[in-house]
PDB file of all heavy atoms in Angstrom:
ATOM      1  N   GLU A   1       0.819  -1.157   0.012  1.00  0.00           N
ATOM      2  CA  GLU A   1      -0.040  -0.015  -0.022  1.00  0.00           C
ATOM      3  C   GLU A   1       0.861   1.263  -0.003  1.00  0.00           C
ATOM      4  O   GLU A   1       0.442   2.306  -0.487  1.00  0.00           O
ATOM      5  CB  GLU A   1      -0.926   0.007   1.209  1.00  0.00           C
ATOM      6  CG  GLU A   1      -2.006  -1.104   1.139  1.00  0.00           C
ATOM      7  CD  GLU A   1      -2.938  -1.056   2.272  1.00  0.00           C
ATOM      8  OE1 GLU A   1      -2.633  -0.541   3.345  1.00  0.00           O
ATOM      9  OE2 GLU A   1      -4.063  -1.524   2.120  1.00  0.00           O
ATOM     10  N   VAL A   2       2.119   1.164   0.527  1.00  0.00           N
ATOM     11  CA  VAL A   2       3.006   2.291   0.597  1.00  0.00           C
ATOM     12  C   VAL A   2       4.416   1.854   0.194  1.00  0.00           C
ATOM     13  O   VAL A   2       4.912   0.843   0.687  1.00  0.00           O
ATOM     14  CB  VAL A   2       3.081   2.873   1.990  1.00  0.00           C
ATOM     15  CG1 VAL A   2       3.933   4.180   2.081  1.00  0.00           C
ATOM     16  CG2 VAL A   2       1.665   3.252   2.558  1.00  0.00           C
ATOM     17  N   ILE A   3       5.011   2.558  -0.710  1.00  0.00           N
ATOM     18  CA  ILE A   3       6.349   2.296  -1.229  1.00  0.00           C
ATOM     19  C   ILE A   3       7.242   3.493  -1.037  1.00  0.00           C
ATOM     20  O   ILE A   3       6.885   4.589  -1.486  1.00  0.00           O
ATOM     21  CB  ILE A   3       6.317   1.902  -2.725  1.00  0.00           C
ATOM     22  CG1 ILE A   3       5.480   0.661  -2.958  1.00  0.00           C
ATOM     23  CG2 ILE A   3       7.711   1.707  -3.301  1.00  0.00           C
ATOM     24  CD1 ILE A   3       5.237   0.298  -4.436  1.00  0.00           C
ATOM     25  N   ASN A   4       8.392   3.273  -0.370  1.00  0.00           N
ATOM     26  CA  ASN A   4       9.358   4.375  -0.227  1.00  0.00           C
ATOM     27  C   ASN A   4      10.092   4.549  -1.582  1.00  0.00           C
ATOM     28  O   ASN A   4      10.840   3.686  -1.952  1.00  0.00           O
ATOM     29  CB  ASN A   4      10.256   4.086   0.902  1.00  0.00           C
ATOM     30  CG  ASN A   4      11.286   5.192   1.189  1.00  0.00           C
ATOM     31  OD1 ASN A   4      11.219   6.231   0.521  1.00  0.00           O
ATOM     32  ND2 ASN A   4      12.251   4.939   2.054  1.00  0.00           N
ATOM     33  N   LEU A   5       9.928   5.695  -2.205  1.00  0.00           N
ATOM     34  CA  LEU A   5      10.443   5.887  -3.513  1.00  0.00           C
ATOM     35  C   LEU A   5      11.977   5.880  -3.566  1.00  0.00           C
ATOM     36  O   LEU A   5      12.556   5.453  -4.561  1.00  0.00           O
ATOM     37  CB  LEU A   5       9.895   7.223  -4.075  1.00  0.00           C
ATOM     38  CG  LEU A   5       9.818   7.358  -5.613  1.00  0.00           C
ATOM     39  CD1 LEU A   5       9.026   6.260  -6.206  1.00  0.00           C
ATOM     40  CD2 LEU A   5       9.253   8.664  -5.983  1.00  0.00           C
ATOM     41  N   LEU A   6      12.633   6.412  -2.561  1.00  0.00           N
ATOM     42  CA  LEU A   6      14.117   6.497  -2.557  1.00  0.00           C
ATOM     43  C   LEU A   6      14.753   5.156  -2.588  1.00  0.00           C
ATOM     44  O   LEU A   6      15.874   5.043  -3.173  1.00  0.00           O
ATOM     45  CB  LEU A   6      14.572   7.289  -1.331  1.00  0.00           C
ATOM     46  CG  LEU A   6      14.331   8.786  -1.310  1.00  0.00           C
ATOM     47  CD1 LEU A   6      14.815   9.385  -0.022  1.00  0.00           C
ATOM     48  CD2 LEU A   6      14.966   9.465  -2.481  1.00  0.00           C
ATOM     49  N   GLU A   7      14.089   4.145  -2.100  1.00  0.00           N
ATOM     50  CA  GLU A   7      14.601   2.774  -2.126  1.00  0.00           C
ATOM     51  C   GLU A   7      14.852   2.286  -3.498  1.00  0.00           C
ATOM     52  O   GLU A   7      15.726   1.460  -3.727  1.00  0.00           O
ATOM     53  CB  GLU A   7      13.753   1.870  -1.309  1.00  0.00           C
ATOM     54  CG  GLU A   7      14.219   0.423  -1.133  1.00  0.00           C
ATOM     55  CD  GLU A   7      13.297  -0.421  -0.342  1.00  0.00           C
ATOM     56  OE1 GLU A   7      12.394   0.161   0.343  1.00  0.00           O
ATOM     57  OE2 GLU A   7      13.464  -1.645  -0.433  1.00  0.00           O
ATOM     58  N   TYR A   8      14.075   2.773  -4.485  1.00  0.00           N
ATOM     59  CA  TYR A   8      14.143   2.279  -5.835  1.00  0.00           C
ATOM     60  C   TYR A   8      14.610   3.355  -6.799  1.00  0.00           C
ATOM     61  O   TYR A   8      14.466   3.197  -8.041  1.00  0.00           O
ATOM     62  CB  TYR A   8      12.748   1.827  -6.271  1.00  0.00           C
ATOM     63  CG  TYR A   8      12.168   0.698  -5.415  1.00  0.00           C
ATOM     64  CD1 TYR A   8      11.408   0.999  -4.298  1.00  0.00           C
ATOM     65  CD2 TYR A   8      12.479  -0.597  -5.668  1.00  0.00           C
ATOM     66  CE1 TYR A   8      10.919   0.015  -3.512  1.00  0.00           C
ATOM     67  CE2 TYR A   8      12.014  -1.652  -4.868  1.00  0.00           C
ATOM     68  CZ  TYR A   8      11.192  -1.360  -3.756  1.00  0.00           C
ATOM     69  OH  TYR A   8      10.689  -2.334  -2.957  1.00  0.00           O
ATOM     70  N   SER A   9      15.141   4.443  -6.310  1.00  0.00           N
ATOM     71  CA  SER A   9      15.532   5.551  -7.183  1.00  0.00           C
ATOM     72  C   SER A   9      17.028   5.817  -7.166  1.00  0.00           C
ATOM     73  O   SER A   9      17.770   5.409  -6.260  1.00  0.00           O
ATOM     74  CB  SER A   9      14.829   6.855  -6.671  1.00  0.00           C
ATOM     75  OG  SER A   9      13.415   6.699  -6.714  1.00  0.00           O
ATOM     76  N   GLU A  10      17.442   6.517  -8.214  1.00  0.00           N
ATOM     77  CA  GLU A  10      18.744   7.132  -8.277  1.00  0.00           C
ATOM     78  C   GLU A  10      18.583   8.636  -8.144  1.00  0.00           C
ATOM     79  O   GLU A  10      17.640   9.184  -8.692  1.00  0.00           O
ATOM     80  CB  GLU A  10      19.515   6.776  -9.580  1.00  0.00           C
ATOM     81  CG  GLU A  10      19.787   5.310  -9.656  1.00  0.00           C
ATOM     82  CD  GLU A  10      20.503   4.938 -10.949  1.00  0.00           C
ATOM     83  OE1 GLU A  10      19.904   5.261 -12.029  1.00  0.00           O
ATOM     84  OE2 GLU A  10      21.626   4.416 -10.950  1.00  0.00           O
ATOM     85  N   ILE A  11      19.502   9.342  -7.406  1.00  0.00           N
ATOM     86  CA  ILE A  11      19.291  10.740  -7.218  1.00  0.00           C
ATOM     87  C   ILE A  11      20.449  11.607  -7.684  1.00  0.00           C
ATOM     88  O   ILE A  11      21.603  11.107  -7.775  1.00  0.00           O
ATOM     89  CB  ILE A  11      19.036  11.021  -5.661  1.00  0.00           C
ATOM     90  CG1 ILE A  11      20.311  10.817  -4.884  1.00  0.00           C
ATOM     91  CG2 ILE A  11      17.872  10.136  -5.159  1.00  0.00           C
ATOM     92  CD1 ILE A  11      20.240  11.284  -3.472  1.00  0.00           C
ATOM     93  N   TYR A  12      20.127  12.850  -7.979  1.00  0.00           N
ATOM     94  CA  TYR A  12      21.138  13.813  -8.386  1.00  0.00           C
ATOM     95  C   TYR A  12      20.843  15.116  -7.616  1.00  0.00           C
ATOM     96  O   TYR A  12      19.748  15.682  -7.694  1.00  0.00           O
ATOM     97  CB  TYR A  12      21.106  14.056  -9.871  1.00  0.00           C
ATOM     98  CG  TYR A  12      22.001  15.207 -10.359  1.00  0.00           C
ATOM     99  CD1 TYR A  12      23.363  14.960 -10.633  1.00  0.00           C
ATOM    100  CD2 TYR A  12      21.494  16.515 -10.565  1.00  0.00           C
ATOM    101  CE1 TYR A  12      24.185  15.956 -11.082  1.00  0.00           C
ATOM    102  CE2 TYR A  12      22.369  17.509 -10.995  1.00  0.00           C
ATOM    103  CZ  TYR A  12      23.697  17.205 -11.299  1.00  0.00           C
ATOM    104  OH  TYR A  12      24.516  18.226 -11.708  1.00  0.00           O
ATOM    105  N   HIS A  13      21.857  15.633  -6.827  1.00  0.00           N
ATOM    106  CA  HIS A  13      21.703  16.805  -6.059  1.00  0.00           C
ATOM    107  C   HIS A  13      22.019  17.983  -6.942  1.00  0.00           C
ATOM    108  O   HIS A  13      23.198  18.227  -7.329  1.00  0.00           O
ATOM    109  CB  HIS A  13      22.629  16.742  -4.833  1.00  0.00           C
ATOM    110  CG  HIS A  13      22.452  17.872  -3.880  1.00  0.00           C
ATOM    111  ND1 HIS A  13      23.370  18.187  -2.927  1.00  0.00           N
ATOM    112  CD2 HIS A  13      21.438  18.773  -3.768  1.00  0.00           C
ATOM    113  CE1 HIS A  13      22.926  19.214  -2.191  1.00  0.00           C
ATOM    114  NE2 HIS A  13      21.768  19.594  -2.692  1.00  0.00           N
ATOM    115  N   ASP A  14      21.052  18.822  -7.223  1.00  0.00           N
ATOM    116  CA  ASP A  14      21.198  19.997  -8.153  1.00  0.00           C
ATOM    117  C   ASP A  14      21.374  21.235  -7.313  1.00  0.00           C
ATOM    118  O   ASP A  14      20.419  21.981  -7.013  1.00  0.00           O
ATOM    119  CB  ASP A  14      19.914  20.045  -9.043  1.00  0.00           C
ATOM    120  CG  ASP A  14      20.000  21.173 -10.051  1.00  0.00           C
ATOM    121  OD1 ASP A  14      21.098  21.752 -10.189  1.00  0.00           O
ATOM    122  OD2 ASP A  14      18.984  21.408 -10.717  1.00  0.00           O
ATOM    123  N   VAL A  15      22.657  21.555  -6.927  1.00  0.00           N
ATOM    124  CA  VAL A  15      22.936  22.747  -6.188  1.00  0.00           C
ATOM    125  C   VAL A  15      22.774  23.925  -7.075  1.00  0.00           C
ATOM    126  O   VAL A  15      23.392  24.072  -8.154  1.00  0.00           O
ATOM    127  CB  VAL A  15      24.403  22.689  -5.556  1.00  0.00           C
ATOM    128  CG1 VAL A  15      24.676  23.975  -4.847  1.00  0.00           C
ATOM    129  CG2 VAL A  15      24.480  21.446  -4.695  1.00  0.00           C
ATOM    130  N   GLY A  16      21.966  24.884  -6.683  1.00  0.00           N
ATOM    131  CA  GLY A  16      21.665  26.103  -7.491  1.00  0.00           C
ATOM    132  C   GLY A  16      20.573  25.979  -8.444  1.00  0.00           C
ATOM    133  O   GLY A  16      20.241  26.925  -9.138  1.00  0.00           O
ATOM    134  N   ASN A  17      19.916  24.816  -8.512  1.00  0.00           N
ATOM    135  CA  ASN A  17      18.806  24.580  -9.409  1.00  0.00           C
ATOM    136  C   ASN A  17      19.155  24.985 -10.833  1.00  0.00           C
ATOM    137  O   ASN A  17      18.432  25.732 -11.544  1.00  0.00           O
ATOM    138  CB  ASN A  17      17.578  25.437  -8.953  1.00  0.00           C
ATOM    139  CG  ASN A  17      16.991  24.814  -7.705  1.00  0.00           C
ATOM    140  OD1 ASN A  17      16.966  23.597  -7.518  1.00  0.00           O
ATOM    141  ND2 ASN A  17      16.410  25.684  -6.840  1.00  0.00           N
ATOM    142  N   LYS A  18      20.289  24.453 -11.344  1.00  0.00           N
ATOM    143  CA  LYS A  18      20.708  24.848 -12.661  1.00  0.00           C
ATOM    144  C   LYS A  18      20.205  23.948 -13.775  1.00  0.00           C
ATOM    145  O   LYS A  18      20.226  24.284 -14.928  1.00  0.00           O
ATOM    146  CB  LYS A  18      22.272  24.784 -12.658  1.00  0.00           C
ATOM    147  CG  LYS A  18      22.940  25.762 -11.684  1.00  0.00           C
ATOM    148  CD  LYS A  18      24.466  25.573 -11.716  1.00  0.00           C
ATOM    149  CE  LYS A  18      25.123  26.520 -10.663  1.00  0.00           C
ATOM    150  NZ  LYS A  18      26.589  26.307 -10.600  1.00  0.00           N
ATOM    151  N   GLU A  19      19.770  22.745 -13.384  1.00  0.00           N
ATOM    152  CA  GLU A  19      19.422  21.721 -14.449  1.00  0.00           C
ATOM    153  C   GLU A  19      17.951  21.832 -14.797  1.00  0.00           C
ATOM    154  O   GLU A  19      17.069  22.261 -14.026  1.00  0.00           O
ATOM    155  CB  GLU A  19      19.643  20.349 -13.872  1.00  0.00           C
ATOM    156  CG  GLU A  19      21.083  20.059 -13.439  1.00  0.00           C
ATOM    157  CD  GLU A  19      22.129  20.197 -14.525  1.00  0.00           C
ATOM    158  OE1 GLU A  19      21.760  20.108 -15.682  1.00  0.00           O
ATOM    159  OE2 GLU A  19      23.307  20.258 -14.172  1.00  0.00           O
ATOM    160  N   THR A  20      17.668  21.543 -16.122  1.00  0.00           N
ATOM    161  CA  THR A  20      16.316  21.399 -16.592  1.00  0.00           C
ATOM    162  C   THR A  20      16.137  19.895 -16.983  1.00  0.00           C
ATOM    163  O   THR A  20      17.090  19.097 -16.982  1.00  0.00           O
ATOM    164  CB  THR A  20      16.115  22.242 -17.832  1.00  0.00           C
ATOM    165  OG1 THR A  20      16.896  21.745 -18.948  1.00  0.00           O
ATOM    166  CG2 THR A  20      16.450  23.704 -17.595  1.00  0.00           C
ATOM    167  N   ILE A  21      14.946  19.501 -17.309  1.00  0.00           N
ATOM    168  CA  ILE A  21      14.699  18.137 -17.714  1.00  0.00           C
ATOM    169  C   ILE A  21      15.523  17.778 -18.888  1.00  0.00           C
ATOM    170  O   ILE A  21      15.998  16.584 -19.034  1.00  0.00           O
ATOM    171  CB  ILE A  21      13.209  17.835 -17.964  1.00  0.00           C
ATOM    172  CG1 ILE A  21      12.955  16.381 -18.203  1.00  0.00           C
ATOM    173  CG2 ILE A  21      12.657  18.757 -19.025  1.00  0.00           C
ATOM    174  CD1 ILE A  21      13.429  15.445 -17.126  1.00  0.00           C
ATOM    175  N   PHE A  22      15.773  18.698 -19.816  1.00  0.00           N
ATOM    176  CA  PHE A  22      16.534  18.414 -21.055  1.00  0.00           C
ATOM    177  C   PHE A  22      18.047  18.216 -20.695  1.00  0.00           C
ATOM    178  O   PHE A  22      18.664  17.386 -21.332  1.00  0.00           O
ATOM    179  CB  PHE A  22      16.272  19.521 -22.071  1.00  0.00           C
ATOM    180  CG  PHE A  22      14.820  19.718 -22.389  1.00  0.00           C
ATOM    181  CD1 PHE A  22      14.125  20.791 -21.901  1.00  0.00           C
ATOM    182  CD2 PHE A  22      14.145  18.742 -23.139  1.00  0.00           C
ATOM    183  CE1 PHE A  22      12.752  20.949 -22.157  1.00  0.00           C
ATOM    184  CE2 PHE A  22      12.819  18.940 -23.420  1.00  0.00           C
ATOM    185  CZ  PHE A  22      12.123  19.996 -22.945  1.00  0.00           C
ATOM    186  N   SER A  23      18.571  19.009 -19.837  1.00  0.00           N
ATOM    187  CA  SER A  23      19.946  18.853 -19.443  1.00  0.00           C
ATOM    188  C   SER A  23      20.189  17.633 -18.610  1.00  0.00           C
ATOM    189  O   SER A  23      21.217  16.938 -18.720  1.00  0.00           O
ATOM    190  CB  SER A  23      20.502  20.134 -18.792  1.00  0.00           C
ATOM    191  OG  SER A  23      19.821  20.343 -17.521  1.00  0.00           O
ATOM    192  N   ILE A  24      19.236  17.287 -17.739  1.00  0.00           N
ATOM    193  CA  ILE A  24      19.437  16.145 -16.835  1.00  0.00           C
ATOM    194  C   ILE A  24      19.369  14.829 -17.558  1.00  0.00           C
ATOM    195  O   ILE A  24      19.952  13.877 -17.143  1.00  0.00           O
ATOM    196  CB  ILE A  24      18.391  16.299 -15.665  1.00  0.00           C
ATOM    197  CG1 ILE A  24      18.941  15.594 -14.428  1.00  0.00           C
ATOM    198  CG2 ILE A  24      17.037  15.684 -16.088  1.00  0.00           C
ATOM    199  CD1 ILE A  24      20.063  16.247 -13.778  1.00  0.00           C
TER     200      ILE A  24
END
């Protein structure tokens, strides 16, 4: 009923919010 998303995800820390979906 509940799934922790981070357990199945890969993450990228975007310092400064520089990335867009096209660059990422």
